[in-house]
Protein backbone atom coordinates (compact mmCIF):
# COMPACT_ATOMS: atom_id res chain seq x y z
CA MET A 1 189.99 -221.75 -106.58
CA THR A 2 191.55 -219.32 -104.30
CA GLU A 3 188.47 -216.82 -104.34
CA THR A 4 186.60 -219.92 -103.06
CA THR A 5 188.60 -220.68 -99.93
CA SER A 6 188.58 -216.77 -98.63
CA ALA A 7 185.26 -216.96 -99.00
CA ALA A 8 184.95 -219.72 -96.88
CA THR A 9 187.65 -218.94 -94.23
CA ALA A 10 185.16 -215.52 -93.76
CA ILE A 11 182.32 -217.45 -93.04
CA PRO A 12 182.76 -218.80 -89.90
CA PRO A 13 183.62 -215.77 -87.83
CA ALA A 14 180.16 -214.54 -88.22
CA ALA A 15 178.87 -217.93 -87.32
CA ASN A 16 180.34 -218.22 -84.32
CA GLN A 17 178.73 -214.56 -83.08
CA ILE A 18 176.45 -215.31 -79.90
CA PRO A 19 173.00 -214.18 -80.60
CA VAL A 20 171.57 -211.36 -78.98
CA SER A 21 167.72 -211.76 -79.09
CA GLY A 22 164.79 -208.49 -79.46
CA ALA A 23 164.44 -208.83 -75.92
CA ASP A 24 167.79 -207.98 -74.29
CA ILE A 25 168.15 -205.40 -76.70
CA ALA A 26 165.05 -203.79 -75.31
CA SER A 27 165.85 -204.53 -71.71
CA ALA A 28 169.11 -202.84 -72.45
CA ALA A 29 167.88 -199.60 -73.72
CA GLY A 30 165.09 -199.14 -71.11
CA ALA A 31 166.79 -199.62 -67.80
CA THR A 32 166.45 -197.38 -65.32
CA PRO A 33 168.42 -196.96 -62.44
CA ALA A 34 167.27 -198.56 -59.26
CA ALA A 35 164.82 -196.19 -56.74
CA PRO A 36 167.26 -195.02 -53.91
CA GLU A 37 166.38 -196.85 -50.45
CA ILE A 38 165.28 -195.37 -47.44
CA THR A 39 168.56 -195.51 -45.65
CA SER A 40 169.13 -195.34 -41.92
CA ALA A 41 170.30 -192.28 -41.67
CA LEU A 42 167.44 -190.62 -43.10
CA ILE A 43 165.18 -192.11 -40.32
CA VAL A 44 167.04 -191.05 -37.83
CA ASP A 45 167.29 -187.48 -38.39
CA ALA A 46 163.41 -187.18 -39.54
CA THR A 47 162.82 -188.67 -35.69
CA LEU A 48 165.81 -186.41 -34.61
CA TRP A 49 163.59 -183.18 -36.22
CA ILE A 50 160.11 -184.76 -34.70
CA LEU A 51 162.04 -184.59 -31.44
CA ILE A 52 162.60 -180.94 -31.90
CA GLY A 53 158.72 -180.41 -32.98
CA PHE A 54 157.79 -182.06 -29.39
CA SER A 55 160.85 -179.68 -27.84
CA VAL A 56 159.15 -176.86 -29.34
CA VAL A 57 155.65 -177.44 -28.59
CA THR A 58 156.47 -178.38 -24.84
CA TRP A 59 158.75 -175.29 -23.77
CA ALA A 60 155.70 -173.19 -26.07
CA LEU A 61 153.23 -174.64 -23.60
CA ILE A 62 155.05 -174.24 -20.11
CA LEU A 63 155.51 -170.75 -21.04
CA ILE A 64 152.08 -169.97 -22.13
CA LYS A 65 150.55 -172.08 -18.91
CA GLY A 66 152.95 -169.93 -16.99
CA ILE A 67 151.98 -166.51 -17.91
CA GLN A 68 148.30 -168.33 -17.57
CA HIS A 69 148.52 -169.19 -13.92
CA LEU A 70 150.69 -166.28 -12.71
CA ARG A 71 147.75 -163.74 -14.21
CA ILE A 72 145.31 -166.47 -12.62
CA SER A 73 147.25 -165.80 -9.29
CA GLN A 74 147.13 -161.94 -9.25
CA HIS A 75 143.76 -161.54 -10.50
CA ASN A 76 142.15 -163.90 -7.75
CA ARG A 77 144.80 -162.30 -5.04
CA SER A 78 143.29 -158.69 -5.92
CA TYR A 79 139.90 -159.88 -5.89
CA GLY A 80 140.08 -161.53 -2.97
CA LYS A 81 141.13 -158.49 -1.24
CA LYS A 82 138.49 -156.00 -2.55
CA PHE A 83 135.44 -158.96 -2.20
CA TRP A 84 136.51 -159.59 1.90
CA GLY A 85 137.27 -155.63 1.92
CA ALA A 86 133.48 -154.51 1.07
CA GLN A 87 131.27 -153.49 3.49
CA ASP A 88 128.61 -155.91 2.89
CA PHE A 89 127.11 -158.12 -0.08
CA GLN A 90 125.36 -155.26 -1.84
CA ALA A 91 128.78 -153.27 -2.31
CA ALA A 92 130.96 -156.55 -2.99
CA ALA A 93 128.52 -156.96 -6.12
CA ALA A 94 129.39 -153.41 -7.00
CA LEU A 95 133.23 -153.95 -7.35
CA GLU A 96 134.62 -152.52 -10.33
CA GLY A 97 137.87 -154.00 -12.58
CA ASN A 98 137.33 -157.34 -11.79
CA LYS A 99 139.30 -160.27 -13.77
CA GLY A 100 140.03 -163.65 -13.53
CA PRO A 101 138.50 -166.69 -12.22
CA ALA A 102 137.00 -165.97 -8.60
CA ALA A 103 135.70 -162.49 -9.99
CA ARG A 104 133.51 -164.39 -13.12
CA VAL A 105 132.45 -167.00 -10.05
CA ALA A 106 131.33 -164.02 -8.26
CA ASP A 107 129.55 -162.29 -11.29
CA ILE A 108 127.12 -165.29 -11.85
CA GLY A 109 126.36 -165.81 -8.52
CA PHE A 110 125.46 -161.85 -8.77
CA THR A 111 123.56 -162.12 -11.78
CA THR A 112 121.70 -165.56 -11.11
CA LEU A 113 120.20 -163.77 -7.51
CA ILE A 114 119.56 -160.85 -9.53
CA GLU A 115 117.67 -162.97 -12.19
CA ALA A 116 115.90 -164.75 -9.10
CA ASP A 117 114.88 -161.88 -7.59
CA GLY A 118 113.48 -160.59 -11.09
CA GLY A 119 110.90 -163.64 -10.78
CA THR A 120 112.07 -165.32 -13.67
CA THR A 121 112.89 -168.69 -12.36
CA THR A 122 110.07 -170.33 -13.17
CA HIS A 123 109.67 -170.66 -16.98
CA ASP A 124 112.39 -172.99 -18.39
CA LEU A 125 114.04 -175.92 -17.03
CA GLU A 126 117.52 -173.84 -16.68
CA HIS A 127 115.73 -171.55 -14.13
CA THR A 128 113.74 -174.24 -11.68
CA GLY A 129 114.05 -174.92 -8.35
CA ASP A 130 114.54 -172.59 -5.43
CA ARG A 131 117.05 -169.89 -5.73
CA GLN A 132 119.99 -171.66 -3.66
CA GLU A 133 119.39 -174.68 -5.97
CA LEU A 134 119.68 -172.48 -8.82
CA LEU A 135 122.77 -170.46 -7.29
CA ASP A 136 124.14 -173.39 -6.46
CA ARG A 137 123.79 -175.05 -10.27
CA ARG A 138 125.14 -172.11 -11.96
CA LEU A 139 128.25 -171.56 -9.53
CA ARG A 140 129.17 -175.04 -10.42
CA GLN A 141 128.62 -174.57 -14.34
CA GLN A 142 130.77 -171.39 -14.12
CA MET A 143 133.72 -173.49 -12.29
CA GLN A 144 133.36 -176.00 -14.67
CA LYS A 145 134.33 -173.60 -17.36
CA GLU A 146 137.14 -172.95 -15.36
CA ARG A 147 138.78 -175.66 -14.81
CA GLY A 148 138.52 -176.26 -18.25
CA ALA A 149 140.46 -173.66 -19.10
CA LEU A 150 142.88 -174.06 -16.76
CA GLU A 151 143.35 -177.77 -17.89
CA SER A 152 143.99 -177.24 -21.51
CA GLY A 153 146.84 -177.46 -23.09
CA LEU A 154 148.19 -180.55 -20.10
CA ALA A 155 147.12 -183.52 -22.45
CA ILE A 156 149.58 -182.18 -25.35
CA LEU A 157 152.56 -182.35 -22.42
CA ALA A 158 151.55 -185.50 -20.97
CA THR A 159 151.41 -186.94 -24.65
CA ILE A 160 154.52 -185.66 -25.35
CA GLY A 161 156.29 -186.88 -21.96
CA SER A 162 154.96 -190.55 -22.79
CA ILE A 163 155.83 -190.58 -26.36
CA SER A 164 159.34 -189.42 -26.98
CA PRO A 165 161.57 -191.81 -25.38
CA PHE A 166 159.90 -194.07 -27.65
CA VAL A 167 160.22 -192.12 -30.96
CA GLY A 168 163.86 -191.81 -29.84
CA LEU A 169 164.19 -195.65 -29.20
CA PHE A 170 162.34 -196.35 -32.58
CA GLY A 171 165.45 -194.26 -34.45
CA THR A 172 168.09 -195.63 -32.68
CA VAL A 173 166.90 -199.12 -33.41
CA TRP A 174 166.43 -198.15 -37.07
CA GLY A 175 169.79 -196.70 -36.87
CA ILE A 176 171.72 -199.45 -35.64
CA MET A 177 169.74 -202.18 -37.80
CA GLY A 178 171.61 -200.22 -40.97
CA ALA A 179 174.67 -199.80 -38.83
CA LEU A 180 174.98 -203.50 -38.73
CA THR A 181 174.22 -203.83 -42.31
CA SER A 182 176.73 -201.38 -43.25
CA ILE A 183 179.27 -203.37 -41.24
CA SER A 184 178.29 -206.74 -42.45
CA LYS A 185 178.70 -205.19 -46.04
CA SER A 186 182.20 -203.64 -45.25
CA GLY A 187 183.01 -207.00 -43.91
CA SER A 188 185.17 -205.29 -41.13
CA ALA A 189 184.39 -205.63 -37.38
CA SER A 190 186.85 -203.43 -35.80
CA LEU A 191 186.03 -200.64 -33.05
CA ASP A 192 186.62 -197.68 -35.66
CA VAL A 193 183.97 -199.01 -37.92
CA VAL A 194 180.98 -200.03 -35.49
CA ALA A 195 181.31 -197.05 -32.97
CA GLY A 196 180.81 -193.91 -35.58
CA PRO A 197 177.33 -195.66 -37.29
CA ILE A 198 176.22 -197.03 -33.73
CA GLY A 199 176.94 -193.90 -31.69
CA GLU A 200 174.86 -191.63 -34.28
CA ALA A 201 172.10 -193.91 -33.69
CA LEU A 202 171.96 -193.66 -29.89
CA VAL A 203 171.72 -189.75 -29.88
CA ALA A 204 168.02 -190.40 -30.84
CA THR A 205 167.50 -192.17 -27.83
CA ALA A 206 169.18 -189.24 -25.68
CA VAL A 207 167.30 -186.54 -27.32
CA GLY A 208 163.68 -188.49 -26.75
CA ILE A 209 164.87 -188.28 -22.96
CA ALA A 210 165.55 -184.88 -23.29
CA VAL A 211 162.47 -184.43 -24.51
CA ALA A 212 160.31 -186.23 -22.38
CA VAL A 213 161.67 -184.64 -18.98
CA PRO A 214 160.62 -181.18 -19.25
CA ALA A 215 156.97 -182.18 -20.47
CA VAL A 216 156.89 -184.71 -17.58
CA ILE A 217 157.87 -181.53 -15.01
CA GLY A 218 156.12 -179.32 -16.51
CA TYR A 219 152.88 -181.70 -16.38
CA ASN A 220 152.90 -182.27 -12.75
CA PHE A 221 154.15 -179.04 -11.59
CA PHE A 222 150.84 -177.36 -13.71
CA ILE A 223 148.42 -179.91 -12.52
CA ARG A 224 149.48 -179.06 -9.00
CA ARG A 225 148.69 -175.58 -9.26
CA ASN A 226 145.65 -176.48 -10.75
CA LYS A 227 144.39 -178.27 -7.62
CA VAL A 228 145.72 -174.92 -5.89
CA ILE A 229 143.43 -173.10 -7.68
CA TRP A 230 140.15 -175.29 -8.02
CA ALA A 231 140.25 -175.38 -3.94
CA PHE A 232 140.52 -171.78 -3.91
CA LEU A 233 137.57 -171.77 -6.22
CA ASP A 234 135.56 -174.26 -4.36
CA ASP A 235 135.97 -172.32 -1.37
CA PHE A 236 135.32 -169.27 -2.21
CA ALA A 237 132.14 -170.30 -4.06
CA ILE A 238 130.79 -172.15 -0.92
CA ASP A 239 131.81 -168.66 1.18
CA PHE A 240 129.47 -166.53 -1.73
CA VAL A 241 126.14 -168.98 -0.89
CA HIS A 242 126.99 -168.62 2.61
CA LEU A 243 126.93 -164.73 2.18
CA ALA A 244 124.25 -164.94 -0.21
CA LEU A 245 122.24 -167.17 2.45
CA LYS A 246 122.46 -164.53 5.06
CA THR A 247 120.68 -162.20 2.97
CA SER A 248 117.96 -164.35 2.09
CA PHE A 249 119.20 -164.71 -1.75
CA LEU A 250 118.05 -161.48 -2.07
CA ILE A 251 120.38 -158.43 -3.92
CA LYS A 252 118.85 -154.86 -4.95
CA ARG A 253 119.00 -155.02 -8.71
CA PRO A 254 120.89 -151.98 -10.06
CA ALA A 255 119.59 -148.98 -11.10
CA SER A 256 118.76 -148.37 -14.57
CA GLY A 257 121.94 -146.50 -14.69
CA SER A 258 124.13 -148.64 -13.25
CA VAL A 259 124.13 -151.35 -15.59
CA ALA A 260 125.85 -148.91 -17.68
CA SER A 261 128.79 -148.63 -15.42
CA SER A 262 131.89 -149.62 -16.77
CA ARG A 263 135.12 -151.06 -15.54
CA THR A 264 138.15 -150.28 -17.30
CA SER A 265 140.13 -153.31 -18.46
CA GLY A 266 144.17 -153.61 -19.64
CA THR A 267 143.34 -152.53 -23.17
CA GLY A 268 141.28 -149.59 -22.16
CA ALA A 269 138.00 -151.40 -23.20
CA LYS A 270 134.70 -151.43 -20.65
CA HIS A 271 132.90 -153.84 -19.58
CA PRO A 272 129.51 -153.52 -17.62
CA VAL A 273 129.89 -154.19 -13.80
CA LEU A 274 126.92 -156.86 -13.75
CA LYS A 275 126.57 -158.96 -16.42
CA ALA A 276 122.62 -158.34 -17.95
CA SER A 277 122.27 -162.02 -18.24
CA HIS A 278 123.21 -165.74 -17.78
CA GLU A 279 123.43 -165.72 -21.47
CA ASP A 280 126.03 -162.94 -21.60
CA LEU A 281 128.18 -164.80 -19.25
CA GLN A 282 128.40 -167.92 -21.17
CA ALA A 283 129.07 -165.91 -24.50
CA GLU A 284 132.25 -164.27 -22.65
CA GLY A 285 133.07 -167.75 -21.54
CA ALA A 286 136.41 -168.45 -18.81
CA GLN A 287 138.75 -166.36 -20.51
CA ILE A 288 142.28 -165.57 -19.14
């Protein structure tokens, strides 16, 4: 009787246990931690790094364009003195050691007159028209190449100057959203809790403005310099056509040995005084 009572009292605890399903056990065993969320601090940091990259590109372009314009001004001034100091138009065609946009415009003009004097102006569409029309077209084409070289990189400066404040503002807004979320979770809205996160978010806007200001100033400065150089080349091309008109668009073809005469470049390389053909000038391009 005693054994039966003890067995009966041992059964209820087992019967009162809470049943656990196999799905619960599997979910508990295979549970993985939730993927980390993209915090507002990460977004703000990424925005700041993007703005730093914009700043590096901006100052690199300003430095490169500044050196380019300095060299162009020196070359144009040097060639202008040589050109207008020549005895006549034929002597100007024999000038050596010339660089810069003005020298390349003059080279294409002299080469065009030499080709026209050789009787090669009626065989294709490129050489159709009289000598003045051909000269005007060649000079205009070369000036467009020089203009393209002067304007290279300015679109990047304009883009950075336009979008940098908005990129910084994006980082600020996202940072403030994260800061407000954190404040709501903490349950405290005191000044020491609010000022820190929101102040860090506002840094992105300040950096965006700091990046945009040099880009806009550099863009406006180089646009102005390009207009000055373009006006100089336009005046030079007009004067070149007037000088060619006085000689009836005729220029003596250089002797067979004179084409091999060279001009000394800054690296010691040699270049012909007059290009042999229009294709040679196009291959050289508007190099700085």
